[in-house]
Amino acid sequence: MYQGFYNLTSGMLTQSRNLNVISNNMVNIQTAGYKRDKMVSTTFQEEMLYRTGKRYKENPEPMATTSKIRAADRTYVNYEQGSFDSTDGVYDFALTDRGFFCIDTPQGIRYTRNGSFSVDDEGFLSLNGMGRVQGRDGQPIRIENEEFYVDSQGVITPGVLDAEGAEEAAAQGGQMALRVVDFADYEQLHKEDYGMFSTNQGAQEVENPSILWKTLERSNVDMVEEMTNMMSSQRALQSAAQVLKMYDQIMGKASTEVGRL
């Protein structure tokens, strides 16, 4: 009798959660290295329907499987690489292959594809508001001024402005390198705010990372797709709300007016 309430209310809750995921994707469309989320729904407590006779209930015939409730299952992260924007910013970096930059935050080491770095008050390369960028030696990277060169593997040579100068300075030491790590199982990564990730699994050092200097990786959010999904989810939510209101009115009449006959 009340199955409609379960169907409609669960549908509204699921669409509401889906709209939250879509909205978060759209808000972060300009966040460098952001990876879009996708919510997947599932049925809850499936039951088998049987057909029986009006008077004799022996030998019921199975008809189909149904569920009164549809619920959010989980949210998947799409790790597909985004496109690249040349920025000419000396503190901008983009990974062109698998891997993550390492950020030393107050909560511990966090991982990100966002290479929009800056220099803090003490001269350390950092991700704004998050923490300092780790080098391959596990220490933060200190940059004295903007006179430095970065090669395709993330090796930073201070005091020079081109590849030729970097080769000559390599023998003298003083070079630093961005730490890039990867993971065997991305399913164990936990997504946090601002495109950051945490995990309990061991990080694998990427010995020869592929890095673009003065470039940022754009988010992999497709605005057209997200807008389409938002309109579809919004209409489903509105339709369920309208039907739920009608269903409530019908049930009210059934229990008051029809019940008095």
Protein backbone atom coordinates (compact mmCIF):
# COMPACT_ATOMS: atom_id res chain seq x y z
CA MET A 1 0.00 0.00 0.00
CA TYR A 2 2.78 2.43 0.88
CA GLN A 3 5.35 1.22 -1.64
CA GLY A 4 5.03 4.44 -3.63
CA PHE A 5 6.37 6.43 -0.69
CA TYR A 6 9.49 4.28 -0.57
CA ASN A 7 10.03 4.50 -4.34
CA LEU A 8 9.56 8.25 -4.61
CA THR A 9 11.34 9.31 -1.42
CA SER A 10 14.40 7.15 -2.11
CA GLY A 11 14.48 8.52 -5.66
CA MET A 12 14.46 12.09 -4.36
CA LEU A 13 17.27 11.40 -1.89
CA THR A 14 19.37 9.70 -4.56
CA GLN A 15 18.90 12.55 -7.06
CA SER A 16 19.70 15.10 -4.36
CA ARG A 17 23.01 13.37 -3.62
CA ASN A 18 23.75 13.13 -7.33
CA LEU A 19 23.17 16.89 -7.68
CA ASN A 20 25.68 17.50 -4.89
CA VAL A 21 28.32 15.48 -6.76
CA ILE A 22 27.60 17.26 -10.04
CA SER A 23 27.69 20.68 -8.35
CA ASN A 24 31.07 19.89 -6.80
CA ASN A 25 32.43 18.94 -10.23
CA MET A 26 31.20 22.19 -11.75
CA VAL A 27 32.63 24.30 -8.93
CA ASN A 28 36.08 22.75 -9.47
CA ILE A 29 36.16 23.04 -13.25
CA GLN A 30 38.90 25.68 -12.95
CA THR A 31 40.88 23.77 -10.30
CA ALA A 32 44.12 22.55 -11.85
CA GLY A 33 44.47 18.77 -11.87
CA TYR A 34 40.98 18.17 -10.45
CA LYS A 35 39.46 14.73 -11.16
CA ARG A 36 35.71 14.54 -11.61
CA ASP A 37 33.42 12.38 -9.48
CA LYS A 38 30.55 10.20 -10.62
CA MET A 39 27.90 8.80 -8.30
CA VAL A 40 26.54 5.32 -8.98
CA SER A 41 23.18 4.23 -7.53
CA THR A 42 21.90 0.75 -6.76
CA THR A 43 18.77 -1.01 -5.60
CA PHE A 44 18.21 -1.92 -1.97
CA GLN A 45 16.66 -5.10 -0.56
CA GLU A 46 15.44 -6.71 -3.78
CA GLU A 47 12.41 -8.98 -3.45
CA MET A 48 10.87 -11.65 -5.70
CA LEU A 49 7.29 -11.16 -6.91
CA TYR A 50 5.07 -14.22 -7.14
CA ARG A 51 1.71 -14.79 -8.80
CA THR A 52 -0.85 -16.98 -7.01
CA GLY A 53 -4.53 -17.80 -7.42
CA LYS A 54 -7.33 -15.83 -5.78
CA ARG A 55 -8.50 -18.73 -3.65
CA TYR A 56 -5.78 -21.34 -3.81
CA LYS A 57 -2.26 -20.18 -2.95
CA GLU A 58 -0.37 -23.36 -3.72
CA ASN A 59 2.47 -23.44 -6.29
CA PRO A 60 3.13 -19.69 -6.65
CA GLU A 61 4.70 -18.67 -9.96
CA PRO A 62 7.76 -16.34 -9.79
CA MET A 63 7.32 -13.26 -11.99
CA ALA A 64 10.09 -10.73 -11.48
CA THR A 65 12.46 -9.10 -8.99
CA THR A 66 11.62 -5.67 -7.60
CA SER A 67 12.98 -3.23 -5.06
CA LYS A 68 11.19 -0.52 -3.13
CA ILE A 69 14.26 1.62 -2.64
CA ARG A 70 16.98 3.05 -4.88
CA ALA A 71 20.01 4.31 -3.00
CA ALA A 72 23.43 5.82 -3.68
CA ASP A 73 26.02 3.06 -3.96
CA ARG A 74 29.34 4.92 -4.12
CA THR A 75 31.16 7.75 -5.82
CA TYR A 76 33.85 6.92 -8.35
CA VAL A 77 36.76 9.21 -9.26
CA ASN A 78 37.63 9.54 -12.94
CA TYR A 79 41.44 9.72 -13.12
CA GLU A 80 41.52 10.45 -16.86
CA GLN A 81 44.12 13.07 -17.67
CA GLY A 82 42.94 16.59 -18.45
CA SER A 83 44.19 18.91 -21.17
CA PHE A 84 47.12 21.30 -20.67
CA ASP A 85 47.31 25.10 -20.48
CA SER A 86 50.53 26.98 -21.02
CA THR A 87 50.71 29.66 -18.31
CA ASP A 88 54.33 30.92 -18.43
CA GLY A 89 54.22 30.89 -14.63
CA VAL A 90 57.57 29.76 -13.25
CA TYR A 91 55.89 27.95 -10.36
CA ASP A 92 53.41 26.00 -12.51
CA PHE A 93 53.96 22.31 -13.24
CA ALA A 94 51.91 19.58 -14.93
CA LEU A 95 52.30 15.81 -14.94
CA THR A 96 51.87 14.27 -18.38
CA ASP A 97 51.69 10.68 -17.14
CA ARG A 98 50.55 8.75 -14.09
CA GLY A 99 51.61 10.01 -10.69
CA PHE A 100 51.04 12.66 -8.04
CA PHE A 101 52.96 15.52 -6.47
CA CYS A 102 53.62 15.14 -2.74
CA ILE A 103 52.48 17.90 -0.37
CA ASP A 104 53.55 18.04 3.27
CA THR A 105 50.40 19.20 5.09
CA PRO A 106 49.62 19.54 8.83
CA GLN A 107 47.63 16.28 8.49
CA GLY A 108 50.53 14.43 6.90
CA ILE A 109 51.60 13.76 3.33
CA ARG A 110 48.87 14.34 0.76
CA TYR A 111 48.95 13.77 -2.99
CA THR A 112 47.67 15.92 -5.82
CA ARG A 113 47.77 16.52 -9.57
CA ASN A 114 47.46 20.26 -8.96
CA GLY A 115 50.80 21.81 -9.87
CA SER A 116 49.75 25.44 -9.36
CA PHE A 117 52.45 26.16 -6.81
CA SER A 118 53.77 29.35 -5.25
CA VAL A 119 56.50 30.36 -2.81
CA ASP A 120 55.64 30.96 0.85
CA ASP A 121 57.07 33.63 3.14
CA GLU A 122 60.14 31.52 3.90
CA GLY A 123 60.92 30.80 0.25
CA PHE A 124 59.63 27.22 0.10
CA LEU A 125 57.70 25.93 -2.88
CA SER A 126 54.15 25.27 -1.68
CA LEU A 127 50.57 24.63 -2.71
CA ASN A 128 48.57 27.59 -1.52
CA GLY A 129 46.74 26.85 1.71
CA MET A 130 47.76 23.18 1.74
CA GLY A 131 51.46 22.78 2.52
CA ARG A 132 54.96 22.62 1.12
CA VAL A 133 55.98 20.61 -1.92
CA GLN A 134 58.28 17.68 -1.24
CA GLY A 135 61.50 17.03 -3.12
CA ARG A 136 62.86 13.59 -3.97
CA ASP A 137 64.94 13.67 -0.81
CA GLY A 138 61.76 14.00 1.24
CA GLN A 139 62.55 17.60 2.19
CA PRO A 140 60.71 20.78 1.16
CA ILE A 141 62.09 22.62 -1.85
CA ARG A 142 63.50 26.08 -1.15
CA ILE A 143 63.72 28.53 -4.07
CA GLU A 144 65.71 31.72 -3.51
CA ASN A 145 64.45 33.66 -6.54
CA GLU A 146 62.86 33.22 -9.95
CA GLU A 147 66.17 32.54 -11.68
CA PHE A 148 65.98 28.77 -12.12
CA TYR A 149 65.38 26.17 -14.80
CA VAL A 150 63.28 22.99 -14.65
CA ASP A 151 63.80 20.08 -17.04
CA SER A 152 61.24 17.53 -18.24
CA GLN A 153 61.90 15.28 -15.23
CA GLY A 154 61.26 17.95 -12.63
CA VAL A 155 64.91 18.68 -11.80
CA ILE A 156 65.27 22.28 -10.63
CA THR A 157 68.59 24.05 -11.26
CA PRO A 158 68.86 27.41 -9.46
CA GLY A 159 70.80 30.32 -10.93
CA VAL A 160 70.33 29.44 -14.62
CA LEU A 161 67.57 30.14 -17.14
CA ASP A 162 68.06 27.55 -19.88
CA ALA A 163 68.89 23.90 -20.49
CA GLU A 164 72.48 24.62 -21.49
CA GLY A 165 73.15 26.44 -18.25
CA ALA A 166 71.51 23.62 -16.30
CA GLU A 167 73.86 21.04 -17.85
CA GLU A 168 76.89 23.12 -16.91
CA ALA A 169 75.63 23.65 -13.36
CA ALA A 170 74.74 19.99 -12.83
CA ALA A 171 78.36 19.09 -12.07
CA GLN A 172 78.49 21.71 -9.34
CA GLY A 173 75.52 20.25 -7.45
CA GLY A 174 72.79 22.24 -5.78
CA GLN A 175 70.03 20.80 -7.93
CA MET A 176 66.66 19.83 -6.51
CA ALA A 177 63.88 17.67 -7.94
CA LEU A 178 60.14 17.40 -7.49
CA ARG A 179 59.01 14.19 -5.84
CA VAL A 180 56.46 12.28 -7.92
CA VAL A 181 54.85 9.07 -6.68
CA ASP A 182 52.30 6.61 -8.00
CA PHE A 183 50.10 3.90 -6.55
CA ALA A 184 49.28 0.35 -7.57
CA ASP A 185 45.58 0.64 -6.70
CA TYR A 186 43.80 3.95 -7.23
CA GLU A 187 40.67 2.49 -5.63
CA GLN A 188 42.41 2.83 -2.25
CA LEU A 189 42.92 6.57 -2.69
CA HIS A 190 40.65 8.73 -0.54
CA LYS A 191 39.64 12.00 -2.17
CA GLU A 192 39.72 15.08 0.05
CA ASP A 193 39.02 18.77 -0.50
CA TYR A 194 40.83 20.87 -3.12
CA GLY A 195 41.79 17.88 -5.27
CA MET A 196 43.95 16.27 -2.58
CA PHE A 197 44.24 12.54 -1.97
CA SER A 198 45.30 10.42 0.99
CA THR A 199 45.91 6.69 1.29
CA ASN A 200 47.32 4.04 3.60
CA GLN A 201 49.02 2.10 0.81
CA GLY A 202 52.70 2.51 0.12
CA ALA A 203 53.75 5.10 -2.45
CA GLN A 204 55.90 4.01 -5.39
CA GLU A 205 58.59 6.50 -6.39
CA VAL A 206 58.51 7.54 -10.05
CA GLU A 207 62.16 7.64 -11.04
CA ASN A 208 61.75 9.42 -14.38
CA PRO A 209 58.57 11.49 -14.21
CA SER A 210 57.31 13.42 -17.22
CA ILE A 211 56.71 17.04 -16.21
CA LEU A 212 55.79 20.14 -18.18
CA TRP A 213 57.14 23.38 -16.73
CA LYS A 214 55.15 26.63 -16.94
CA THR A 215 52.07 24.54 -17.68
CA LEU A 216 49.01 23.39 -15.74
CA GLU A 217 46.82 20.34 -16.21
CA ARG A 218 43.19 21.38 -16.46
CA SER A 219 40.43 19.53 -14.64
CA ASN A 220 38.87 16.66 -16.60
CA VAL A 221 35.35 18.01 -15.98
CA ASP A 222 33.24 18.37 -19.14
CA MET A 223 30.93 21.33 -18.52
CA VAL A 224 28.44 20.30 -21.21
CA GLU A 225 28.17 16.78 -19.82
CA GLU A 226 27.79 18.05 -16.26
CA MET A 227 25.09 20.53 -17.28
CA THR A 228 23.20 17.77 -19.08
CA ASN A 229 23.45 15.47 -16.07
CA MET A 230 22.33 18.26 -13.77
CA MET A 231 19.21 19.05 -15.81
CA SER A 232 18.32 15.37 -16.04
CA SER A 233 18.76 14.84 -12.30
CA GLN A 234 16.90 18.04 -11.46
CA ARG A 235 13.91 17.04 -13.58
CA ALA A 236 13.83 13.57 -12.04
CA LEU A 237 13.87 15.15 -8.57
CA GLN A 238 11.05 17.56 -9.43
CA SER A 239 8.95 14.82 -11.01
CA ALA A 240 9.32 12.57 -7.97
CA ALA A 241 8.36 15.45 -5.68
CA GLN A 242 5.20 16.20 -7.68
CA VAL A 243 4.13 12.56 -7.82
CA LEU A 244 4.85 12.17 -4.10
CA LYS A 245 2.54 15.11 -3.38
CA MET A 246 -0.22 13.56 -5.49
CA TYR A 247 0.32 10.17 -3.85
CA ASP A 248 0.05 11.74 -0.42
CA GLN A 249 -3.25 13.42 -1.34
CA ILE A 250 -4.69 10.16 -2.68
CA MET A 251 -3.67 8.27 0.46
CA GLY A 252 -5.21 11.03 2.57
CA LYS A 253 -8.52 10.70 0.81
CA ALA A 254 -8.37 6.91 1.05
CA SER A 255 -7.96 7.06 4.83
CA THR A 256 -10.52 9.84 5.51
CA GLU A 257 -13.25 9.99 2.89
CA VAL A 258 -13.27 6.39 1.56
CA GLY A 259 -12.67 5.01 5.05
CA ARG A 260 -15.99 6.49 6.30
CA LEU A 261 -18.07 4.60 3.70
